[in-house]
Amino acid sequence: MTSDDLLVVLTALNLEYEAVRERLTRPDTYLHRRGTRFEIGALPSGRGRVVLGLTGKGNQSSAVLTERAIQEFSPTALLFVGVAGALWDTPLGDVVFGTHVYAYHGGTSEDDGLKARPRAWESPHGMSQTAAHLARMDSWAPRKAPRPRVHFGPIAAGEVVQNSRISYEAAWIRQTFNDALAVEMEGAGIAQAGHLSSTPVAVVRGISDHADGEKATAADLNWQPIAAANAAAFAVALAEEIVSQEEPPSMRKDSAARDTGNVTNTAHGSVGVQAGHVSGGTFHVSVTSATPSPGDISERLSVLRDELSREHEAGNLDVETHEAASEEIDIASKGLEEATPTSRKSSLLALKRLLGLLGDLASLSSKVASLITAVKGLS
């Protein structure tokens, strides 16, 4: 499988982690070189894989481990799954899909009170559309009553456990973010990390309480596992939908139907035919292969290593980044030497991480991007 078949699912609590894990097939441990432990398991249909990780509580740790997972695995999407408190009257056990995430603690303190200056992130359009379709189908939900429903709306994320409806902060959140359906402590970090890496991110929460003073009561202890299980069920079904989409909806039937008519063009470059929708034609195309060999790519990596050292000596690259980048080049080179499908995938992932490390150096990052294309072209 390629990274197109792989998603990352992160949770904050062990309860949430276990709810996702029990829906995966044959999860195997993957230990990151910095000590973070992931598990990689197959989706129930067998069509894709999920990398499962535990972030702990809070936006900061969630942001760091989200970035780590994205750099390590280059997933097609990332889902954050768990429980949350409802800000209004969403029934316990129901699921909230975050159409937006508000970082509600941003603000400025003025003489006449606190003024909100939140950050906000919107869920990717395609992800929201897929989630809405899945919710309409209703096939994801457990059969036992009461069956949970999926609600779509903003989620507020901060740094404080909300367990009151009458506190000053509770009233301020409801007044300032009155369209938010749920409140939690990780979504803002997840959303920011996804934004910075251009990775589609979604937050899926099961409602375990109403943020009304009932946390840690018998009712809360009863609803937490139910809410976590419902969120996990919807998230895994969403992951199945995402990996089953072989191409974006905008590239399917409608675009094929629009491209009608006859177009004739003779070209004298690398493209010999230009056409819209073609049916029943016969074409003869002669193409000269320019695919580099593993040896060619290894030579380019060696040149890149020398250029990396020169940038470091010139003061354009700090010690930590230089060491991390050199390590990724070592991994990529070793993978090319071993010349197996698995090792080449390791080379590709190392180059993708290297591209992230060298993003501020245009001359080097363009060469890394070219190397990524070359490795993808190896048979």
Protein backbone atom coordinates (compact mmCIF):
# COMPACT_ATOMS: atom_id res chain seq x y z
CA MET A 1 0.00 0.00 0.00
CA THR A 2 1.00 3.60 -0.47
CA SER A 3 0.51 6.57 1.81
CA ASP A 4 -2.77 7.18 -0.08
CA ASP A 5 -4.12 4.13 1.80
CA LEU A 6 -2.95 5.34 5.20
CA LEU A 7 -4.57 7.66 7.74
CA VAL A 8 -3.48 8.76 11.19
CA VAL A 9 -5.94 8.63 14.09
CA LEU A 10 -4.93 10.31 17.35
CA THR A 11 -6.61 10.33 20.76
CA ALA A 12 -5.94 12.10 24.06
CA LEU A 13 -7.08 9.40 26.51
CA ASN A 14 -6.46 5.66 26.79
CA LEU A 15 -10.21 5.08 26.86
CA GLU A 16 -10.49 6.74 23.44
CA TYR A 17 -7.41 4.92 22.14
CA GLU A 18 -8.83 1.53 23.08
CA ALA A 19 -12.17 2.34 21.43
CA VAL A 20 -10.39 2.91 18.10
CA ARG A 21 -7.89 0.07 18.51
CA GLU A 22 -10.53 -2.61 18.96
CA ARG A 23 -11.91 -1.71 15.51
CA LEU A 24 -8.57 -2.27 13.76
CA THR A 25 -7.21 -5.57 12.49
CA ARG A 26 -3.79 -6.90 13.52
CA PRO A 27 -2.33 -3.70 15.03
CA ASP A 28 1.48 -3.77 15.16
CA THR A 29 3.73 -1.50 17.21
CA TYR A 30 5.75 1.19 15.44
CA LEU A 31 8.31 2.96 17.64
CA HIS A 32 9.36 6.45 16.54
CA ARG A 33 13.06 7.20 16.97
CA ARG A 34 12.16 9.90 19.54
CA GLY A 35 10.25 7.41 21.67
CA THR A 36 6.65 7.98 20.57
CA ARG A 37 4.80 4.68 20.27
CA PHE A 38 2.28 4.19 17.47
CA GLU A 39 0.32 1.16 16.33
CA ILE A 40 -0.48 0.45 12.69
CA GLY A 41 -3.52 -1.69 11.92
CA ALA A 42 -5.76 -2.46 8.98
CA LEU A 43 -9.24 -1.03 8.58
CA PRO A 44 -12.08 -3.56 8.90
CA SER A 45 -12.54 -3.73 5.11
CA GLY A 46 -8.83 -4.36 4.57
CA ARG A 47 -8.64 -1.50 2.04
CA GLY A 48 -6.39 0.76 4.08
CA ARG A 49 -4.36 1.20 7.24
CA VAL A 50 -4.60 3.40 10.31
CA VAL A 51 -1.69 4.70 12.37
CA LEU A 52 -3.01 5.07 15.92
CA GLY A 53 -1.33 7.31 18.48
CA LEU A 54 -1.89 8.74 21.96
CA THR A 55 -1.17 12.45 22.49
CA GLY A 56 -2.22 13.05 26.08
CA LYS A 57 -4.31 16.03 27.15
CA GLY A 58 -3.90 19.58 25.89
CA ASN A 59 -3.42 21.50 22.66
CA GLN A 60 0.36 21.78 22.97
CA SER A 61 1.22 18.09 23.20
CA SER A 62 -1.44 17.30 20.61
CA ALA A 63 0.07 19.77 18.14
CA VAL A 64 3.58 18.40 18.60
CA LEU A 65 2.58 14.76 18.18
CA THR A 66 0.31 15.57 15.25
CA GLU A 67 3.24 17.19 13.47
CA ARG A 68 5.42 14.19 14.36
CA ALA A 69 2.90 11.72 12.96
CA ILE A 70 2.45 13.72 9.76
CA GLN A 71 6.19 14.00 9.16
CA GLU A 72 6.73 10.30 9.89
CA PHE A 73 3.86 8.78 7.90
CA SER A 74 2.73 11.37 5.30
CA PRO A 75 -0.93 10.31 5.74
CA THR A 76 -3.69 11.13 3.31
CA ALA A 77 -5.66 12.57 6.27
CA LEU A 78 -5.60 12.80 10.06
CA LEU A 79 -8.52 12.31 12.45
CA PHE A 80 -8.61 13.29 16.11
CA VAL A 81 -11.12 11.16 17.99
CA GLY A 82 -12.43 11.25 21.54
CA VAL A 83 -14.98 12.61 24.00
CA ALA A 84 -16.08 16.18 24.68
CA GLY A 85 -18.52 18.20 26.74
CA ALA A 86 -21.64 19.59 25.09
CA LEU A 87 -22.12 23.35 25.37
CA TRP A 88 -25.84 23.15 24.76
CA ASP A 89 -28.30 20.27 24.80
CA THR A 90 -26.74 17.75 22.42
CA PRO A 91 -27.79 14.30 23.72
CA LEU A 92 -25.20 12.24 25.56
CA GLY A 93 -23.62 9.62 23.32
CA ASP A 94 -24.19 11.59 20.11
CA VAL A 95 -21.24 12.48 17.87
CA VAL A 96 -20.06 15.96 16.84
CA PHE A 97 -18.05 16.47 13.65
CA GLY A 98 -16.14 19.74 13.90
CA THR A 99 -16.93 21.96 10.92
CA HIS A 100 -14.69 24.56 12.59
CA VAL A 101 -12.33 24.57 15.55
CA TYR A 102 -12.08 27.68 17.74
CA ALA A 103 -9.03 28.33 19.92
CA TYR A 104 -11.16 30.22 22.42
CA HIS A 105 -8.44 31.37 24.82
CA GLY A 106 -7.06 33.97 22.42
CA GLY A 107 -8.01 37.47 23.59
CA THR A 108 -7.00 40.90 24.82
CA SER A 109 -7.67 42.23 28.32
CA GLU A 110 -9.22 45.73 28.19
CA ASP A 111 -10.53 48.08 30.87
CA ASP A 112 -14.06 47.02 30.06
CA GLY A 113 -13.32 43.32 30.04
CA LEU A 114 -11.90 40.48 27.96
CA LYS A 115 -12.18 40.82 24.19
CA ALA A 116 -12.03 37.61 22.15
CA ARG A 117 -9.28 37.21 19.59
CA PRO A 118 -9.69 33.56 18.68
CA ARG A 119 -7.95 31.53 16.02
CA ALA A 120 -10.27 29.44 13.89
CA TRP A 121 -9.76 26.61 11.42
CA GLU A 122 -12.35 25.22 9.02
CA SER A 123 -12.62 21.53 8.23
CA PRO A 124 -11.58 20.70 4.64
CA HIS A 125 -14.55 20.82 2.29
CA GLY A 126 -14.06 17.30 0.94
CA MET A 127 -13.76 15.85 4.44
CA SER A 128 -16.94 17.59 5.59
CA GLN A 129 -18.82 16.39 2.51
CA THR A 130 -17.71 12.81 3.09
CA ALA A 131 -18.68 12.98 6.76
CA ALA A 132 -22.11 14.41 5.91
CA HIS A 133 -22.69 11.62 3.38
CA LEU A 134 -21.71 9.00 5.93
CA ALA A 135 -24.01 10.52 8.56
CA ARG A 136 -26.94 10.42 6.12
CA MET A 137 -26.34 6.75 5.32
CA ASP A 138 -26.56 5.91 9.05
CA SER A 139 -24.85 2.56 8.46
CA TRP A 140 -21.97 3.44 10.80
CA ALA A 141 -24.03 3.61 14.00
CA PRO A 142 -24.31 0.77 16.54
CA ARG A 143 -27.63 -1.06 16.19
CA LYS A 144 -28.52 -1.01 19.86
CA ALA A 145 -30.83 1.74 21.13
CA PRO A 146 -30.57 4.61 21.57
CA ARG A 147 -28.77 5.01 18.24
CA PRO A 148 -26.43 8.02 18.19
CA ARG A 149 -26.78 10.86 15.70
CA VAL A 150 -24.06 12.98 14.11
CA HIS A 151 -24.16 16.76 14.56
CA PHE A 152 -22.14 19.20 12.46
CA GLY A 153 -20.88 22.43 13.97
CA PRO A 154 -17.93 24.26 15.55
CA ILE A 155 -15.92 22.84 18.44
CA ALA A 156 -14.27 25.14 21.01
CA ALA A 157 -10.80 24.10 22.22
CA GLY A 158 -8.99 25.63 25.18
CA GLU A 159 -6.64 24.80 28.02
CA VAL A 160 -9.12 24.43 30.90
CA VAL A 161 -11.44 21.54 31.75
CA GLN A 162 -14.94 23.03 31.57
CA ASN A 163 -17.15 21.57 34.30
CA SER A 164 -19.62 24.35 35.05
CA ARG A 165 -22.46 26.18 33.33
CA ILE A 166 -22.48 29.11 35.74
CA SER A 167 -18.80 30.07 35.99
CA TYR A 168 -17.57 33.30 34.38
CA GLU A 169 -15.59 31.43 31.75
CA ALA A 170 -18.49 29.11 30.90
CA ALA A 171 -20.79 32.09 30.38
CA TRP A 172 -18.13 33.87 28.30
CA ILE A 173 -17.65 30.85 26.02
CA ARG A 174 -21.38 30.46 25.44
CA GLN A 175 -21.80 34.16 24.74
CA THR A 176 -18.73 34.61 22.52
CA PHE A 177 -18.83 31.25 20.72
CA ASN A 178 -22.54 30.63 20.82
CA ASP A 179 -22.56 28.42 17.72
CA ALA A 180 -20.05 25.94 19.19
CA LEU A 181 -21.59 22.55 19.96
CA ALA A 182 -18.83 21.09 22.13
CA VAL A 183 -15.81 22.06 24.19
CA GLU A 184 -12.52 20.18 24.57
CA MET A 185 -8.75 20.65 24.99
CA GLU A 186 -6.92 19.33 21.90
CA GLY A 187 -8.62 20.38 18.67
CA ALA A 188 -6.84 23.72 18.21
CA GLY A 189 -3.40 22.13 18.36
CA ILE A 190 -4.43 19.43 15.92
CA ALA A 191 -5.94 21.92 13.48
CA GLN A 192 -2.90 24.20 13.53
CA ALA A 193 -0.49 21.32 12.89
CA GLY A 194 -2.63 20.11 10.00
CA HIS A 195 -2.78 23.63 8.57
CA LEU A 196 1.00 24.09 8.68
CA SER A 197 1.63 20.77 6.92
CA SER A 198 -1.28 21.06 4.42
CA THR A 199 -2.75 17.81 5.74
CA PRO A 200 -6.56 17.37 5.86
CA VAL A 201 -7.63 17.15 9.51
CA ALA A 202 -10.97 16.39 11.13
CA VAL A 203 -12.05 16.37 14.78
CA VAL A 204 -14.67 13.79 15.79
CA ARG A 205 -16.07 13.90 19.34
CA GLY A 206 -18.56 11.83 21.27
CA ILE A 207 -20.59 13.76 23.87
CA SER A 208 -19.90 12.34 27.34
CA ASP A 209 -21.22 15.21 29.51
CA HIS A 210 -22.77 18.67 29.32
CA ALA A 211 -19.87 20.55 30.97
CA ASP A 212 -22.21 21.19 33.88
CA GLY A 213 -20.50 19.87 37.00
CA GLU A 214 -21.22 16.20 36.32
CA LYS A 215 -17.69 15.16 35.34
CA ALA A 216 -16.31 12.22 37.35
CA THR A 217 -19.79 11.33 38.61
CA ALA A 218 -21.37 7.92 38.09
CA ALA A 219 -23.26 9.24 35.06
CA ASP A 220 -20.06 10.55 33.49
CA LEU A 221 -18.22 7.28 34.08
CA ASN A 222 -21.10 5.49 32.37
CA TRP A 223 -21.28 7.79 29.34
CA GLN A 224 -17.56 8.23 28.66
CA PRO A 225 -17.00 4.74 27.19
CA ILE A 226 -20.25 4.98 25.22
CA ALA A 227 -19.31 8.37 23.77
CA ALA A 228 -15.78 7.18 22.98
CA ALA A 229 -17.10 4.06 21.25
CA ASN A 230 -19.56 6.05 19.14
CA ALA A 231 -16.90 8.57 18.09
CA ALA A 232 -14.54 5.72 17.21
CA ALA A 233 -17.23 3.94 15.17
CA PHE A 234 -17.93 7.06 13.12
CA ALA A 235 -14.24 7.89 12.69
CA VAL A 236 -13.32 4.41 11.47
CA ALA A 237 -16.25 4.44 9.05
CA LEU A 238 -15.09 7.87 7.86
CA ALA A 239 -11.57 6.50 7.34
CA GLU A 240 -13.05 3.70 5.23
CA GLU A 241 -14.86 6.24 3.07
CA ILE A 242 -11.74 8.37 2.62
CA VAL A 243 -9.49 5.52 1.46
CA SER A 244 -12.20 4.20 -0.87
CA GLN A 245 -12.21 7.47 -2.79
CA GLU A 246 -9.69 6.83 -5.54
CA GLU A 247 -9.92 10.38 -6.90
CA PRO A 248 -11.54 13.67 -5.89
CA PRO A 249 -15.26 13.89 -6.72
CA SER A 250 -14.59 16.89 -8.99
CA MET A 251 -12.62 14.61 -11.33
CA ARG A 252 -15.31 11.98 -11.82
CA LYS A 253 -18.45 11.78 -13.96
CA ASP A 254 -19.27 15.45 -14.29
CA SER A 255 -15.87 16.45 -15.63
CA ALA A 256 -15.91 13.54 -18.09
CA ALA A 257 -19.34 14.59 -19.32
CA ARG A 258 -18.23 18.18 -19.84
CA ASP A 259 -15.21 17.23 -21.94
CA THR A 260 -17.18 16.30 -25.07
CA GLY A 261 -16.48 17.19 -28.66
CA ASN A 262 -13.73 16.48 -31.12
CA VAL A 263 -10.27 17.96 -30.68
CA THR A 264 -7.35 17.33 -33.01
CA ASN A 265 -3.83 18.51 -32.35
CA THR A 266 -0.43 17.38 -33.53
CA ALA A 267 2.35 18.28 -31.18
CA HIS A 268 6.10 18.12 -31.51
CA GLY A 269 6.99 17.89 -27.83
CA SER A 270 6.63 15.19 -25.23
CA VAL A 271 2.84 15.15 -25.72
CA GLY A 272 1.57 13.87 -29.04
CA VAL A 273 -2.21 14.08 -28.58
CA GLN A 274 -4.47 16.66 -26.96
CA ALA A 275 -8.06 15.56 -26.44
CA GLY A 276 -11.18 15.95 -24.38
CA HIS A 277 -13.42 12.91 -23.83
CA VAL A 278 -12.09 10.13 -26.08
CA SER A 279 -13.88 6.92 -26.99
CA GLY A 280 -12.89 4.27 -29.51
CA GLY A 281 -9.66 5.90 -30.63
CA THR A 282 -6.33 4.27 -31.37
CA PHE A 283 -3.14 6.16 -30.59
CA HIS A 284 0.52 5.38 -31.15
CA VAL A 285 2.79 7.30 -28.83
CA SER A 286 6.55 7.03 -28.69
CA VAL A 287 8.11 8.23 -25.45
CA THR A 288 11.76 8.27 -24.48
CA SER A 289 12.16 7.13 -20.89
CA ALA A 290 14.01 9.52 -18.62
CA THR A 291 13.47 7.62 -15.37
CA PRO A 292 16.65 7.79 -13.27
CA SER A 293 18.16 4.65 -11.78
CA PRO A 294 18.66 4.12 -8.04
CA GLY A 295 22.35 4.80 -8.64
CA ASP A 296 21.56 8.17 -10.23
CA ILE A 297 19.37 9.11 -7.28
CA SER A 298 22.06 8.04 -4.81
CA GLU A 299 24.57 10.30 -6.57
CA ARG A 300 22.13 13.21 -6.34
CA LEU A 301 21.69 12.49 -2.63
CA SER A 302 25.46 12.64 -2.18
CA VAL A 303 25.57 16.02 -3.91
CA LEU A 304 22.68 17.21 -1.75
CA ARG A 305 24.55 16.15 1.38
CA ASP A 306 27.53 18.30 0.35
CA GLU A 307 25.28 21.29 -0.35
CA LEU A 308 23.61 20.77 3.02
CA SER A 309 26.99 20.98 4.75
CA ARG A 310 27.86 24.18 2.88
CA GLU A 311 24.58 25.79 3.95
CA HIS A 312 25.32 24.80 7.55
CA GLU A 313 28.86 26.21 7.38
CA ALA A 314 27.48 29.44 5.92
CA GLY A 315 25.17 29.83 8.92
CA ASN A 316 21.97 29.25 6.95
CA LEU A 317 21.15 26.00 8.77
CA ASP A 318 21.28 25.46 12.53
CA VAL A 319 23.00 22.46 14.10
CA GLU A 320 19.82 20.59 15.04
CA THR A 321 18.26 20.93 11.59
CA HIS A 322 21.52 19.96 9.89
CA GLU A 323 21.81 16.81 12.00
CA ALA A 324 18.17 15.84 11.45
CA ALA A 325 18.43 16.46 7.70
CA SER A 326 21.63 14.41 7.45
CA GLU A 327 19.89 11.56 9.26
CA GLU A 328 17.04 11.61 6.73
CA ILE A 329 19.53 11.51 3.84
CA ASP A 330 21.16 8.46 5.47
CA ILE A 331 17.77 6.72 5.69
CA ALA A 332 16.95 7.57 2.07
CA SER A 333 20.34 6.33 0.83
CA LYS A 334 20.07 3.07 2.76
CA GLY A 335 16.61 2.43 1.36
CA LEU A 336 17.86 2.86 -2.20
CA GLU A 337 20.74 0.47 -1.57
CA GLU A 338 18.44 -2.26 -0.26
CA ALA A 339 16.22 -1.84 -3.35
CA THR A 340 13.06 -3.49 -2.00
CA PRO A 341 9.53 -2.02 -2.17
CA THR A 342 9.55 -1.53 1.60
CA SER A 343 12.98 0.11 1.65
CA ARG A 344 12.04 2.42 -1.22
CA LYS A 345 8.99 3.49 0.70
CA SER A 346 11.28 4.28 3.64
CA SER A 347 13.40 6.37 1.28
CA LEU A 348 10.32 8.23 0.09
CA LEU A 349 9.11 8.99 3.62
CA ALA A 350 12.62 10.15 4.61
CA LEU A 351 12.71 12.55 1.66
CA LYS A 352 9.28 13.92 2.56
CA ARG A 353 10.48 14.59 6.09
CA LEU A 354 13.64 16.16 4.65
CA LEU A 355 11.49 18.47 2.53
CA GLY A 356 9.75 19.67 5.69
CA LEU A 357 13.08 20.33 7.41
CA LEU A 358 14.47 22.36 4.49
CA GLY A 359 11.34 24.30 3.63
CA ASP A 360 13.05 27.65 4.33
CA LEU A 361 15.89 26.95 1.87
CA ALA A 362 14.34 27.17 -1.58
CA SER A 363 17.43 25.97 -3.45
CA LEU A 364 17.64 22.75 -1.43
CA SER A 365 13.91 22.09 -1.02
CA SER A 366 13.41 22.20 -4.81
CA LYS A 367 16.08 19.52 -5.21
CA VAL A 368 14.46 17.38 -2.53
CA ALA A 369 11.11 17.71 -4.31
CA SER A 370 12.79 16.53 -7.51
CA LEU A 371 14.27 13.55 -5.67
CA ILE A 372 10.83 12.63 -4.31
CA THR A 373 9.48 12.57 -7.85
CA ALA A 374 12.41 10.42 -8.97
CA VAL A 375 11.94 7.86 -6.19
CA LYS A 376 8.21 7.65 -6.94
CA GLY A 377 9.15 6.82 -10.54
CA LEU A 378 11.19 3.75 -9.58
CA SER A 379 9.45 0.51 -10.50
